[in-house]
Protein backbone atom coordinates (compact mmCIF):
# COMPACT_ATOMS: atom_id res chain seq x y z
CA MET A 1 -26.59 7.79 4.53
CA ASN A 2 -25.38 10.27 1.90
CA ALA A 3 -22.03 9.87 0.17
CA PRO A 4 -19.94 12.46 2.08
CA VAL A 5 -21.16 11.17 5.45
CA PHE A 6 -20.48 7.60 4.36
CA LEU A 7 -16.92 8.46 3.30
CA GLN A 8 -16.25 10.07 6.66
CA GLU A 9 -17.57 7.03 8.50
CA LEU A 10 -15.48 4.83 6.22
CA LYS A 11 -12.32 6.73 7.14
CA GLU A 12 -13.07 6.09 10.80
CA ARG A 13 -13.47 2.37 10.09
CA VAL A 14 -10.12 2.32 8.29
CA ASN A 15 -8.38 4.26 11.08
CA ASN A 16 -9.79 1.85 13.67
CA HIS A 17 -8.92 -1.32 11.77
CA PRO A 18 -6.53 -3.68 13.63
CA PHE A 19 -4.07 -3.43 10.71
CA LEU A 20 -2.78 -0.07 11.94
CA ARG A 21 -2.43 -1.48 15.47
CA HIS A 22 -0.67 -4.69 14.52
CA PRO A 23 2.08 -5.70 16.98
CA PHE A 24 4.60 -5.65 14.12
CA LEU A 25 4.06 -1.92 13.59
CA GLN A 26 4.20 -1.24 17.31
CA GLN A 27 7.49 -3.11 17.64
CA PHE A 28 8.92 -1.67 14.42
CA SER A 29 8.20 1.90 15.47
CA THR A 30 9.14 1.76 19.16
CA GLN A 31 12.53 0.06 19.25
CA PRO A 32 15.79 0.58 17.35
CA LEU A 33 16.19 -1.75 14.38
CA THR A 34 19.36 -3.61 13.60
CA PHE A 35 20.84 -3.50 10.12
CA GLU A 36 19.86 -7.15 9.62
CA GLN A 37 16.27 -6.55 10.71
CA ALA A 38 16.02 -3.68 8.24
CA ARG A 39 17.47 -5.90 5.49
CA THR A 40 14.95 -8.63 6.19
CA PHE A 41 12.04 -6.21 6.16
CA ALA A 42 13.14 -4.33 3.04
CA LEU A 43 13.67 -7.42 0.89
CA LEU A 44 10.41 -9.06 2.00
CA TYR A 45 8.48 -5.83 1.33
CA TYR A 46 9.94 -5.48 -2.16
CA PRO A 47 7.48 -7.90 -3.87
CA HIS A 48 4.67 -5.73 -2.48
CA ILE A 49 6.23 -2.58 -3.93
CA LEU A 50 6.66 -4.24 -7.32
CA ARG A 51 2.98 -5.13 -7.64
CA THR A 52 1.10 -2.14 -6.24
CA ARG A 53 0.57 -0.44 -9.58
CA LEU A 54 -0.54 -3.71 -11.19
CA TYR A 55 -3.58 -3.71 -8.92
CA GLN A 56 -4.32 -0.10 -9.86
CA ALA A 57 -3.99 -0.96 -13.55
CA ASN A 58 -6.38 -3.88 -13.11
CA ALA A 59 -8.90 -1.62 -11.37
CA LEU A 60 -8.62 0.88 -14.22
CA GLY A 61 -9.31 -1.92 -16.68
CA VAL A 62 -12.55 -3.08 -15.05
CA THR A 63 -13.91 0.40 -14.21
CA PRO A 64 -16.55 1.64 -16.70
CA ASP A 65 -16.47 5.31 -15.62
CA GLU A 66 -14.00 7.31 -17.73
CA GLY A 67 -13.51 9.92 -15.02
CA ILE A 68 -12.43 7.26 -12.54
CA GLN A 69 -10.26 5.68 -15.23
CA ALA A 70 -8.52 9.03 -15.69
CA VAL A 71 -7.87 9.37 -11.96
CA LEU A 72 -6.38 5.88 -11.77
CA ALA A 73 -4.29 6.66 -14.85
CA ASP A 74 -2.96 9.80 -13.12
CA ILE A 75 -1.99 7.72 -10.10
CA LEU A 76 -0.25 5.19 -12.32
CA TYR A 77 1.66 7.97 -14.06
CA ASP A 78 2.91 9.13 -10.65
CA GLU A 79 3.88 5.57 -9.73
CA TYR A 80 5.91 5.20 -12.90
CA GLY A 81 7.86 8.39 -12.24
CA ASN A 82 5.88 10.82 -14.42
CA GLY A 83 7.77 9.69 -17.49
CA ASN A 84 11.18 9.37 -15.82
CA PRO A 85 12.08 5.72 -15.08
CA ALA A 86 14.65 6.85 -12.50
CA ASN A 87 11.78 8.29 -10.46
CA SER A 88 9.48 5.28 -10.67
CA HIS A 89 8.45 4.10 -7.25
CA MET A 90 10.04 0.72 -7.87
CA GLU A 91 13.40 2.35 -8.65
CA VAL A 92 13.11 4.77 -5.72
CA TYR A 93 12.53 1.81 -3.40
CA ARG A 94 15.61 0.09 -4.80
CA LYS A 95 17.67 2.94 -3.32
CA LEU A 96 16.82 1.52 0.09
CA LEU A 97 17.74 -2.00 -0.99
CA ARG A 98 21.10 -0.81 -2.30
CA ALA A 99 21.73 1.13 0.91
CA LEU A 100 21.18 -2.16 2.72
CA ASP A 101 23.82 -3.82 0.52
CA PHE A 102 21.58 -5.99 -1.63
CA SER A 103 22.91 -7.09 -5.00
CA GLU A 104 20.84 -6.95 -8.19
CA THR A 105 20.62 -10.75 -8.10
CA GLU A 106 19.25 -10.72 -4.56
CA MET A 107 16.67 -8.10 -5.53
CA ALA A 108 15.60 -10.12 -8.56
CA ASN A 109 15.03 -13.16 -6.33
CA ALA A 110 13.28 -11.54 -3.38
CA PRO A 111 11.38 -14.21 -1.44
CA ILE A 112 7.61 -14.07 -1.02
CA THR A 113 6.19 -15.17 2.33
CA PRO A 114 2.93 -17.17 2.33
CA GLU A 115 1.24 -14.17 3.92
CA GLN A 116 2.49 -11.87 1.17
CA GLN A 117 1.32 -14.35 -1.46
CA GLY A 118 -2.09 -14.31 0.17
CA TYR A 119 -2.17 -10.52 -0.14
CA ILE A 120 -1.15 -10.72 -3.81
CA ASP A 121 -3.83 -13.33 -4.54
CA THR A 122 -6.54 -11.27 -2.81
CA MET A 123 -5.61 -8.10 -4.67
CA MET A 124 -5.43 -9.81 -8.05
CA ARG A 125 -8.76 -11.58 -7.54
CA VAL A 126 -10.67 -8.46 -6.50
CA THR A 127 -9.12 -6.09 -9.06
CA GLN A 128 -9.84 -8.52 -11.89
CA GLY A 129 -13.36 -9.30 -10.73
CA THR A 130 -16.77 -8.13 -11.86
CA ASP A 131 -17.43 -5.75 -8.94
CA TRP A 132 -15.59 -2.71 -10.26
CA LEU A 133 -16.36 -0.50 -7.25
CA ALA A 134 -14.84 -3.14 -4.95
CA ALA A 135 -11.80 -3.10 -7.25
CA VAL A 136 -11.50 0.66 -6.83
CA GLY A 137 -11.94 0.22 -3.09
CA VAL A 138 -9.28 -2.45 -2.74
CA ALA A 139 -6.69 -0.64 -4.90
CA GLY A 140 -7.68 3.03 -5.11
CA ILE A 141 -8.90 3.69 -1.57
CA ALA A 142 -7.36 1.04 0.70
CA GLY A 143 -4.13 1.44 -1.26
CA GLU A 144 -4.03 5.15 -0.37
CA TRP A 145 -5.95 6.04 2.83
CA PRO A 146 -3.94 4.03 5.39
CA ILE A 147 -0.52 4.77 3.92
CA PRO A 148 0.36 8.05 5.71
CA PRO A 149 0.02 6.65 9.27
CA TYR A 150 1.42 3.28 8.15
CA TYR A 151 4.52 4.75 6.52
CA ARG A 152 5.12 7.14 9.40
CA MET A 153 5.49 4.12 11.67
CA LEU A 154 7.80 2.37 9.21
CA LEU A 155 9.90 5.53 8.90
CA THR A 156 10.23 5.82 12.67
CA GLY A 157 11.86 2.40 12.75
CA LEU A 158 13.95 2.70 9.59
CA ARG A 159 15.43 6.00 10.75
CA THR A 160 17.05 4.17 13.66
CA VAL A 161 19.11 1.95 11.34
CA PRO A 162 22.79 2.95 11.25
CA GLY A 163 23.92 4.29 7.89
CA ILE A 164 20.47 4.71 6.33
CA THR A 165 20.01 8.20 4.86
CA GLU A 166 16.82 10.13 4.12
CA ASP A 167 17.53 9.68 0.42
CA ALA A 168 17.31 5.91 0.85
CA LEU A 169 13.92 6.39 2.54
CA GLU A 170 12.47 8.55 -0.24
CA LEU A 171 9.78 6.02 -1.15
CA PHE A 172 8.25 6.15 2.33
CA VAL A 173 8.72 9.90 2.83
CA GLY A 174 7.27 10.82 -0.56
CA HIS A 175 4.23 8.58 -0.32
CA ILE A 176 2.89 10.27 2.80
CA GLU A 177 1.92 13.49 1.01
CA LEU A 178 1.40 11.87 -2.39
CA ASP A 179 -1.12 9.36 -1.10
CA ILE A 180 -3.10 12.09 0.64
CA HIS A 181 -3.44 13.74 -2.78
CA HIS A 182 -4.28 10.44 -4.46
CA SER A 183 -6.96 9.78 -1.83
CA HIS A 184 -8.64 13.11 -2.50
CA ILE A 185 -8.87 12.65 -6.26
CA VAL A 186 -10.22 9.10 -5.95
CA GLU A 187 -12.83 10.21 -3.39
CA GLU A 188 -14.09 12.97 -5.67
CA ALA A 189 -14.32 10.64 -8.65
CA ILE A 190 -16.30 7.89 -6.90
CA LEU A 191 -18.63 10.13 -4.89
CA PRO A 192 -21.61 9.84 -7.31
CA TYR A 193 -21.57 6.04 -6.90
CA LEU A 194 -21.80 6.17 -3.11
CA GLU A 195 -25.37 7.45 -2.83
CA THR A 196 -26.78 3.90 -2.77
CA ARG A 197 -26.40 1.12 -0.24
CA GLU A 198 -25.20 -1.17 -3.00
CA GLY A 199 -22.40 1.19 -3.98
CA GLN A 200 -21.39 1.75 -0.38
CA ALA A 201 -21.33 -2.00 0.29
CA SER A 202 -19.18 -2.68 -2.78
CA LEU A 203 -16.62 -0.06 -1.86
CA TRP A 204 -16.38 -1.26 1.75
CA ARG A 205 -16.06 -4.87 0.58
CA GLY A 206 -12.92 -3.98 -1.38
CA ILE A 207 -11.45 -1.86 1.39
CA GLU A 208 -12.05 -4.48 4.08
CA LEU A 209 -10.53 -7.26 1.98
CA ASN A 210 -7.40 -5.17 1.52
CA LEU A 211 -7.06 -4.29 5.20
CA ASN A 212 -7.64 -7.87 6.34
CA ALA A 213 -5.02 -9.11 3.87
CA ARG A 214 -2.58 -6.45 5.11
CA LEU A 215 -3.14 -7.65 8.66
CA VAL A 216 -2.04 -11.15 7.66
CA GLN A 217 0.84 -9.72 5.60
CA LEU A 218 2.18 -7.97 8.71
CA SER A 219 2.05 -11.21 10.71
CA GLY A 220 4.44 -12.72 8.18
CA LEU A 221 6.76 -9.74 8.46
CA GLN A 222 6.64 -9.94 12.26
CA ARG A 223 7.71 -13.58 12.20
CA GLU A 224 10.55 -13.02 9.74
CA VAL A 225 11.87 -9.70 11.11
CA PHE A 226 11.45 -10.23 14.84
CA GLY A 227 11.16 -14.00 15.16
CA ASN A 228 7.68 -13.94 16.65
CA ALA A 229 4.12 -13.86 15.39
């Protein structure tokens, strides 16, 4: 299977993964959220937001190809606000936390569920490992491809919360288009390495590990936000 055909098949696998059909996302996007449910979700999701770019930086560090390094560096520059700390994705997310009345102390002590810790451990292990194409898959593909449909569902729920403005939701709104762009530049950079079965297997290994860890992550959120799992 040549590289372009493989990538298309891979996108279908990602779109059909149970992660995007998790009951948490169905419940989150089909019923109005209370202010307290939004608070619980937002604080528990914060540790994930804080670490995303660390996985990308790790992948950059283990990747031997300078072109792929440059693409990951471009993504990191976007994540850090293109030189403006006020526009970093961490700071943009904090607008939502402040809109939900969290103090700086509460933000600094955001709890980490066991499921979230499992996701962190998986991402750190793969992005610091010896299979660099799996590292790019886990952070540079699986961290971009599923985000538009995922964040659309989160936005549907968050927009039902009384008092939450579009400005507070900027992180989710902005990532939909941005991650489509990020996906395209990563795809182009890795294409030459996807002409072999070995390369294809490595990339899918990273992607599947990410998606499976996200599936577990959502189960933790479902328990904490809705009281069921």
